Amino acid sequence: MTEARVDQVHADSVAAREFLSQAELFMTDSAIASLSAESQVVLLHNATVAACDAILQAAGLRVTAGDRSHVLRLETALDQLEQDTEELLEALDASRERRNEASYAAWFVAEASASDAREATAQLIELTRSFIGS
């Protein structure tokens, strides 16, 4: 597989709001009480990806498919924001790693890890709302 890259595209505020709505839906679904922590982190990761895509779409950027695309998407989206996002990047990357462990290695995810992921994802969604003006 090829390495993912960032491409310039037409900035689209309508598409950005659609990605944000998708992120909010995944976030809401992740809070269903009967879900396991593993399922929660998968949905929270999906919310993170959608929020990043909202930021990127609003900025006129797109991350292509390929190796490291989720990491590049996260880093590039957070780079668009004016706030200091270093700690948020670390928290969301840790959440991404937990999602990988739950999805690909069938590892146990602690409730505290799901809670940390929820907090970081909520922060990203709030920053996304501000960035795209929703």
N, C-alpha and C. Protein backbone atom coordinates (compact mmCIF):
# COMPACT_ATOMS: atom_id res chain seq x y z
N MET A 1 0.84 -1.17 0.00
CA MET A 1 0.00 0.00 0.00
C MET A 1 0.89 1.24 0.00
N THR A 2 0.39 2.32 -0.58
CA THR A 2 1.14 3.56 -0.64
C THR A 2 0.92 4.40 0.61
N GLU A 3 1.80 5.32 0.82
CA GLU A 3 1.71 6.23 1.96
C GLU A 3 0.59 7.25 1.70
N ALA A 4 -0.20 7.53 2.70
CA ALA A 4 -1.25 8.55 2.59
C ALA A 4 -0.62 9.92 2.40
N ARG A 5 -1.36 10.82 1.76
CA ARG A 5 -0.87 12.18 1.55
C ARG A 5 -2.04 13.16 1.70
N VAL A 6 -1.70 14.42 1.79
CA VAL A 6 -2.70 15.48 1.90
C VAL A 6 -2.84 16.14 0.53
N ASP A 7 -4.07 16.23 0.03
CA ASP A 7 -4.37 16.89 -1.24
C ASP A 7 -5.19 18.13 -0.99
N GLN A 8 -5.04 19.12 -1.85
CA GLN A 8 -5.89 20.30 -1.81
C GLN A 8 -7.16 19.99 -2.59
N VAL A 9 -8.30 20.38 -2.04
CA VAL A 9 -9.60 20.22 -2.68
C VAL A 9 -10.37 21.52 -2.49
N HIS A 10 -11.52 21.60 -3.10
CA HIS A 10 -12.38 22.76 -2.92
C HIS A 10 -12.95 22.74 -1.50
N ALA A 11 -12.79 23.83 -0.77
CA ALA A 11 -13.38 23.94 0.57
C ALA A 11 -14.90 23.90 0.43
N ASP A 12 -15.55 23.11 1.27
CA ASP A 12 -16.99 22.91 1.15
C ASP A 12 -17.61 22.92 2.54
N SER A 13 -18.25 24.02 2.90
CA SER A 13 -18.83 24.14 4.24
C SER A 13 -20.02 23.21 4.43
N VAL A 14 -20.76 22.92 3.38
CA VAL A 14 -21.90 22.00 3.49
C VAL A 14 -21.40 20.59 3.82
N ALA A 15 -20.40 20.13 3.09
CA ALA A 15 -19.83 18.81 3.37
C ALA A 15 -19.19 18.78 4.75
N ALA A 16 -18.56 19.87 5.15
CA ALA A 16 -17.95 19.93 6.49
C ALA A 16 -19.02 19.75 7.56
N ARG A 17 -20.17 20.40 7.40
CA ARG A 17 -21.26 20.25 8.38
C ARG A 17 -21.82 18.82 8.37
N GLU A 18 -21.84 18.19 7.21
CA GLU A 18 -22.30 16.79 7.13
C GLU A 18 -21.35 15.87 7.88
N PHE A 19 -20.05 16.09 7.73
CA PHE A 19 -19.07 15.30 8.49
C PHE A 19 -19.23 15.54 9.99
N LEU A 20 -19.46 16.79 10.37
CA LEU A 20 -19.66 17.11 11.78
C LEU A 20 -20.90 16.40 12.32
N SER A 21 -21.98 16.39 11.56
CA SER A 21 -23.20 15.69 11.98
C SER A 21 -22.92 14.20 12.17
N GLN A 22 -22.14 13.63 11.27
CA GLN A 22 -21.78 12.22 11.40
C GLN A 22 -20.96 12.00 12.67
N ALA A 23 -20.03 12.89 12.95
CA ALA A 23 -19.21 12.77 14.16
C ALA A 23 -20.10 12.83 15.40
N GLU A 24 -21.05 13.75 15.41
CA GLU A 24 -21.95 13.88 16.55
C GLU A 24 -22.81 12.63 16.72
N LEU A 25 -23.24 12.04 15.62
CA LEU A 25 -24.04 10.81 15.69
C LEU A 25 -23.22 9.66 16.28
N PHE A 26 -21.99 9.48 15.80
CA PHE A 26 -21.14 8.43 16.36
C PHE A 26 -20.89 8.67 17.86
N MET A 27 -20.70 9.94 18.23
CA MET A 27 -20.48 10.28 19.63
C MET A 27 -21.71 9.91 20.46
N THR A 28 -22.88 10.26 19.97
CA THR A 28 -24.12 9.94 20.67
C THR A 28 -24.30 8.43 20.79
N ASP A 29 -24.08 7.72 19.70
CA ASP A 29 -24.24 6.26 19.71
C ASP A 29 -23.26 5.59 20.67
N SER A 30 -22.08 6.17 20.84
CA SER A 30 -21.07 5.57 21.72
C SER A 30 -21.49 5.60 23.19
N ALA A 31 -22.49 6.42 23.51
CA ALA A 31 -22.93 6.56 24.90
C ALA A 31 -24.03 5.58 25.28
N ILE A 32 -24.43 4.71 24.38
CA ILE A 32 -25.46 3.72 24.69
C ILE A 32 -24.95 2.85 25.83
N ALA A 33 -25.70 2.80 26.89
CA ALA A 33 -25.26 2.16 28.14
C ALA A 33 -24.88 0.70 27.97
N SER A 34 -25.53 -0.01 27.08
CA SER A 34 -25.27 -1.44 26.94
C SER A 34 -24.03 -1.77 26.12
N LEU A 35 -23.38 -0.77 25.55
CA LEU A 35 -22.20 -1.03 24.72
C LEU A 35 -20.98 -1.36 25.58
N SER A 36 -20.18 -2.27 25.09
CA SER A 36 -18.92 -2.58 25.75
C SER A 36 -17.95 -1.42 25.54
N ALA A 37 -16.93 -1.36 26.36
CA ALA A 37 -15.89 -0.34 26.19
C ALA A 37 -15.22 -0.47 24.83
N GLU A 38 -15.07 -1.70 24.36
CA GLU A 38 -14.46 -1.93 23.05
C GLU A 38 -15.30 -1.29 21.94
N SER A 39 -16.61 -1.49 21.99
CA SER A 39 -17.50 -0.90 20.98
C SER A 39 -17.50 0.62 21.09
N GLN A 40 -17.44 1.11 22.31
CA GLN A 40 -17.42 2.56 22.50
C GLN A 40 -16.20 3.19 21.85
N VAL A 41 -15.01 2.60 22.04
CA VAL A 41 -13.81 3.21 21.46
C VAL A 41 -13.82 3.13 19.94
N VAL A 42 -14.45 2.11 19.37
CA VAL A 42 -14.56 2.04 17.91
C VAL A 42 -15.44 3.19 17.41
N LEU A 43 -16.59 3.40 18.04
CA LEU A 43 -17.47 4.49 17.64
C LEU A 43 -16.83 5.85 17.89
N LEU A 44 -16.12 5.99 18.98
CA LEU A 44 -15.45 7.26 19.27
C LEU A 44 -14.35 7.54 18.25
N HIS A 45 -13.65 6.51 17.82
CA HIS A 45 -12.64 6.70 16.77
C HIS A 45 -13.32 7.15 15.47
N ASN A 46 -14.44 6.54 15.14
CA ASN A 46 -15.18 6.94 13.94
C ASN A 46 -15.62 8.41 14.06
N ALA A 47 -16.03 8.82 15.25
CA ALA A 47 -16.40 10.22 15.47
C ALA A 47 -15.20 11.13 15.26
N THR A 48 -14.06 10.71 15.73
CA THR A 48 -12.83 11.50 15.56
C THR A 48 -12.49 11.65 14.09
N VAL A 49 -12.56 10.57 13.35
CA VAL A 49 -12.26 10.62 11.91
C VAL A 49 -13.22 11.56 11.20
N ALA A 50 -14.51 11.46 11.51
CA ALA A 50 -15.50 12.33 10.87
C ALA A 50 -15.27 13.80 11.24
N ALA A 51 -14.93 14.07 12.50
CA ALA A 51 -14.65 15.45 12.91
C ALA A 51 -13.42 15.99 12.18
N CYS A 52 -12.40 15.17 12.06
CA CYS A 52 -11.21 15.57 11.32
C CYS A 52 -11.56 15.87 9.86
N ASP A 53 -12.38 15.02 9.27
CA ASP A 53 -12.78 15.24 7.88
C ASP A 53 -13.57 16.54 7.74
N ALA A 54 -14.35 16.89 8.75
CA ALA A 54 -15.09 18.16 8.73
C ALA A 54 -14.11 19.34 8.70
N ILE A 55 -13.12 19.29 9.56
CA ILE A 55 -12.11 20.36 9.60
C ILE A 55 -11.38 20.44 8.27
N LEU A 56 -10.94 19.30 7.79
CA LEU A 56 -10.18 19.27 6.54
C LEU A 56 -11.01 19.78 5.37
N GLN A 57 -12.27 19.36 5.28
CA GLN A 57 -13.14 19.79 4.19
C GLN A 57 -13.34 21.30 4.24
N ALA A 58 -13.53 21.84 5.43
CA ALA A 58 -13.69 23.29 5.57
C ALA A 58 -12.41 24.04 5.18
N ALA A 59 -11.27 23.41 5.38
CA ALA A 59 -9.98 24.02 5.06
C ALA A 59 -9.54 23.77 3.62
N GLY A 60 -10.33 22.98 2.88
CA GLY A 60 -9.97 22.67 1.50
C GLY A 60 -8.87 21.64 1.38
N LEU A 61 -8.88 20.68 2.30
CA LEU A 61 -7.88 19.61 2.31
C LEU A 61 -8.55 18.26 2.37
N ARG A 62 -7.81 17.23 1.95
CA ARG A 62 -8.30 15.86 2.03
C ARG A 62 -7.09 14.94 2.21
N VAL A 63 -7.24 13.94 3.05
CA VAL A 63 -6.19 12.94 3.24
C VAL A 63 -6.57 11.72 2.40
N THR A 64 -5.63 11.28 1.58
CA THR A 64 -5.89 10.13 0.72
C THR A 64 -5.80 8.83 1.52
N ALA A 65 -6.33 7.78 0.95
CA ALA A 65 -6.18 6.46 1.56
C ALA A 65 -4.70 6.06 1.49
N GLY A 66 -4.31 5.20 2.40
CA GLY A 66 -2.94 4.72 2.39
C GLY A 66 -2.42 4.50 3.79
N ASP A 67 -1.19 4.04 3.87
CA ASP A 67 -0.56 3.81 5.16
C ASP A 67 -0.54 5.10 5.97
N ARG A 68 -0.89 4.98 7.24
CA ARG A 68 -0.88 6.07 8.20
C ARG A 68 -1.93 7.14 7.91
N SER A 69 -2.96 6.83 7.15
CA SER A 69 -3.96 7.85 6.79
C SER A 69 -4.69 8.40 8.02
N HIS A 70 -4.99 7.55 8.99
CA HIS A 70 -5.71 8.05 10.18
C HIS A 70 -4.83 8.97 11.00
N VAL A 71 -3.55 8.65 11.12
CA VAL A 71 -2.62 9.51 11.87
C VAL A 71 -2.43 10.84 11.13
N LEU A 72 -2.22 10.77 9.83
CA LEU A 72 -2.04 11.98 9.03
C LEU A 72 -3.29 12.84 9.07
N ARG A 73 -4.46 12.23 9.00
CA ARG A 73 -5.74 12.95 9.07
C ARG A 73 -5.83 13.71 10.40
N LEU A 74 -5.51 13.03 11.47
CA LEU A 74 -5.58 13.64 12.80
C LEU A 74 -4.59 14.80 12.93
N GLU A 75 -3.35 14.56 12.56
CA GLU A 75 -2.33 15.60 12.67
C GLU A 75 -2.66 16.81 11.79
N THR A 76 -3.07 16.56 10.56
CA THR A 76 -3.35 17.66 9.63
C THR A 76 -4.57 18.46 10.07
N ALA A 77 -5.60 17.78 10.53
CA ALA A 77 -6.80 18.49 11.00
C ALA A 77 -6.48 19.36 12.20
N LEU A 78 -5.77 18.83 13.17
CA LEU A 78 -5.44 19.61 14.36
C LEU A 78 -4.51 20.78 14.03
N ASP A 79 -3.67 20.63 13.01
CA ASP A 79 -2.80 21.72 12.58
C ASP A 79 -3.59 22.92 12.05
N GLN A 80 -4.82 22.69 11.62
CA GLN A 80 -5.66 23.77 11.09
C GLN A 80 -6.22 24.66 12.20
N LEU A 81 -6.24 24.16 13.41
CA LEU A 81 -6.85 24.87 14.53
C LEU A 81 -5.87 25.85 15.15
N GLU A 82 -6.38 26.96 15.64
CA GLU A 82 -5.52 27.99 16.24
C GLU A 82 -5.08 27.62 17.65
N GLN A 83 -5.83 26.78 18.34
CA GLN A 83 -5.53 26.42 19.72
C GLN A 83 -4.31 25.50 19.79
N ASP A 84 -3.72 25.44 20.97
CA ASP A 84 -2.66 24.47 21.22
C ASP A 84 -3.33 23.11 21.36
N THR A 85 -3.03 22.21 20.47
CA THR A 85 -3.71 20.91 20.43
C THR A 85 -2.78 19.74 20.70
N GLU A 86 -1.60 20.01 21.22
CA GLU A 86 -0.63 18.94 21.44
C GLU A 86 -1.17 17.86 22.39
N GLU A 87 -1.74 18.27 23.52
CA GLU A 87 -2.29 17.29 24.46
C GLU A 87 -3.49 16.56 23.86
N LEU A 88 -4.32 17.28 23.12
CA LEU A 88 -5.46 16.65 22.46
C LEU A 88 -4.99 15.63 21.44
N LEU A 89 -3.96 15.96 20.67
CA LEU A 89 -3.41 15.01 19.71
C LEU A 89 -2.95 13.74 20.41
N GLU A 90 -2.25 13.88 21.52
CA GLU A 90 -1.79 12.72 22.27
C GLU A 90 -2.96 11.87 22.75
N ALA A 91 -4.00 12.52 23.27
CA ALA A 91 -5.16 11.78 23.77
C ALA A 91 -5.91 11.08 22.65
N LEU A 92 -6.08 11.76 21.52
CA LEU A 92 -6.79 11.14 20.40
C LEU A 92 -5.97 10.03 19.75
N ASP A 93 -4.65 10.19 19.73
CA ASP A 93 -3.81 9.13 19.18
C ASP A 93 -3.84 7.90 20.09
N ALA A 94 -3.86 8.12 21.39
CA ALA A 94 -3.99 6.99 22.32
C ALA A 94 -5.33 6.29 22.12
N SER A 95 -6.37 7.07 21.89
CA SER A 95 -7.69 6.50 21.62
C SER A 95 -7.66 5.68 20.33
N ARG A 96 -6.98 6.19 19.32
CA ARG A 96 -6.83 5.46 18.05
C ARG A 96 -6.13 4.12 18.28
N GLU A 97 -5.10 4.13 19.10
CA GLU A 97 -4.38 2.90 19.39
C GLU A 97 -5.27 1.89 20.13
N ARG A 98 -6.08 2.38 21.08
CA ARG A 98 -7.01 1.48 21.78
C ARG A 98 -8.03 0.90 20.81
N ARG A 99 -8.49 1.72 19.89
CA ARG A 99 -9.42 1.22 18.87
C ARG A 99 -8.76 0.12 18.03
N ASN A 100 -7.50 0.32 17.66
CA ASN A 100 -6.79 -0.72 16.90
C ASN A 100 -6.68 -2.01 17.70
N GLU A 101 -6.35 -1.88 18.97
CA GLU A 101 -6.24 -3.07 19.83
C GLU A 101 -7.57 -3.78 19.95
N ALA A 102 -8.65 -3.03 20.11
CA ALA A 102 -9.97 -3.64 20.25
C ALA A 102 -10.42 -4.28 18.93
N SER A 103 -10.11 -3.63 17.81
CA SER A 103 -10.58 -4.10 16.51
C SER A 103 -9.73 -5.23 15.93
N TYR A 104 -8.43 -5.10 16.06
CA TYR A 104 -7.54 -6.03 15.36
C TYR A 104 -6.90 -7.08 16.25
N ALA A 105 -6.78 -6.79 17.54
CA ALA A 105 -6.12 -7.74 18.43
C ALA A 105 -7.09 -8.35 19.44
N ALA A 106 -8.34 -7.91 19.39
CA ALA A 106 -9.38 -8.39 20.32
C ALA A 106 -8.94 -8.22 21.77
N TRP A 107 -8.28 -7.11 22.05
CA TRP A 107 -7.83 -6.83 23.41
C TRP A 107 -8.94 -6.17 24.20
N PHE A 108 -8.87 -6.35 25.50
CA PHE A 108 -9.78 -5.73 26.45
C PHE A 108 -9.51 -4.23 26.51
N VAL A 109 -10.56 -3.43 26.60
CA VAL A 109 -10.43 -1.99 26.77
C VAL A 109 -11.08 -1.62 28.10
N ALA A 110 -10.33 -0.97 28.95
CA ALA A 110 -10.85 -0.56 30.26
C ALA A 110 -11.87 0.56 30.10
N GLU A 111 -12.84 0.59 31.01
CA GLU A 111 -13.84 1.65 31.00
C GLU A 111 -13.18 3.03 31.09
N ALA A 112 -12.12 3.13 31.87
CA ALA A 112 -11.42 4.41 32.00
C ALA A 112 -10.84 4.85 30.66
N SER A 113 -10.38 3.91 29.87
CA SER A 113 -9.85 4.25 28.55
C SER A 113 -10.96 4.77 27.64
N ALA A 114 -12.12 4.14 27.71
CA ALA A 114 -13.26 4.61 26.93
C ALA A 114 -13.67 6.00 27.39
N SER A 115 -13.64 6.24 28.67
CA SER A 115 -13.98 7.55 29.22
C SER A 115 -13.00 8.62 28.74
N ASP A 116 -11.71 8.29 28.76
CA ASP A 116 -10.69 9.22 28.26
C ASP A 116 -10.91 9.52 26.78
N ALA A 117 -11.24 8.49 26.02
CA ALA A 117 -11.50 8.66 24.59
C ALA A 117 -12.72 9.55 24.37
N ARG A 118 -13.75 9.36 25.18
CA ARG A 118 -14.97 10.17 25.06
C ARG A 118 -14.67 11.64 25.33
N GLU A 119 -13.88 11.90 26.36
CA GLU A 119 -13.52 13.28 26.71
C GLU A 119 -12.74 13.95 25.58
N ALA A 120 -11.75 13.26 25.04
CA ALA A 120 -10.95 13.82 23.95
C ALA A 120 -11.79 14.04 22.70
N THR A 121 -12.65 13.09 22.38
CA THR A 121 -13.49 13.21 21.20
C THR A 121 -14.47 14.37 21.35
N ALA A 122 -15.05 14.53 22.53
CA ALA A 122 -15.96 15.65 22.77
C ALA A 122 -15.24 16.98 22.59
N GLN A 123 -14.01 17.06 23.06
CA GLN A 123 -13.23 18.29 22.90
C GLN A 123 -12.98 18.56 21.41
N LEU A 124 -12.63 17.53 20.65
CA LEU A 124 -12.40 17.69 19.22
C LEU A 124 -13.68 18.16 18.52
N ILE A 125 -14.80 17.57 18.85
CA ILE A 125 -16.06 17.95 18.21
C ILE A 125 -16.39 19.41 18.52
N GLU A 126 -16.15 19.84 19.74
CA GLU A 126 -16.40 21.25 20.09
C GLU A 126 -15.48 22.17 19.29
N LEU A 127 -14.22 21.83 19.17
CA LEU A 127 -13.28 22.63 18.37
C LEU A 127 -13.69 22.63 16.90
N THR A 128 -14.20 21.51 16.43
CA THR A 128 -14.66 21.41 15.05
C THR A 128 -15.85 22.34 14.81
N ARG A 129 -16.80 22.33 15.73
CA ARG A 129 -17.96 23.24 15.62
C ARG A 129 -17.49 24.70 15.48
N SER A 130 -16.54 25.08 16.33
CA SER A 130 -16.04 26.46 16.28
C SER A 130 -15.33 26.73 14.96
N PHE A 131 -14.54 25.78 14.50
CA PHE A 131 -13.76 25.97 13.28
C PHE A 131 -14.63 26.14 12.04
N ILE A 132 -15.68 25.31 11.95
CA ILE A 132 -16.50 25.38 10.74
C ILE A 132 -17.69 26.32 10.90
N GLY A 133 -17.86 26.87 12.09
CA GLY A 133 -18.91 27.85 12.29
C GLY A 133 -20.30 27.28 12.43
N SER A 134 -20.42 26.09 13.02
CA SER A 134 -21.75 25.49 13.22
C SER A 134 -22.22 25.72 14.62
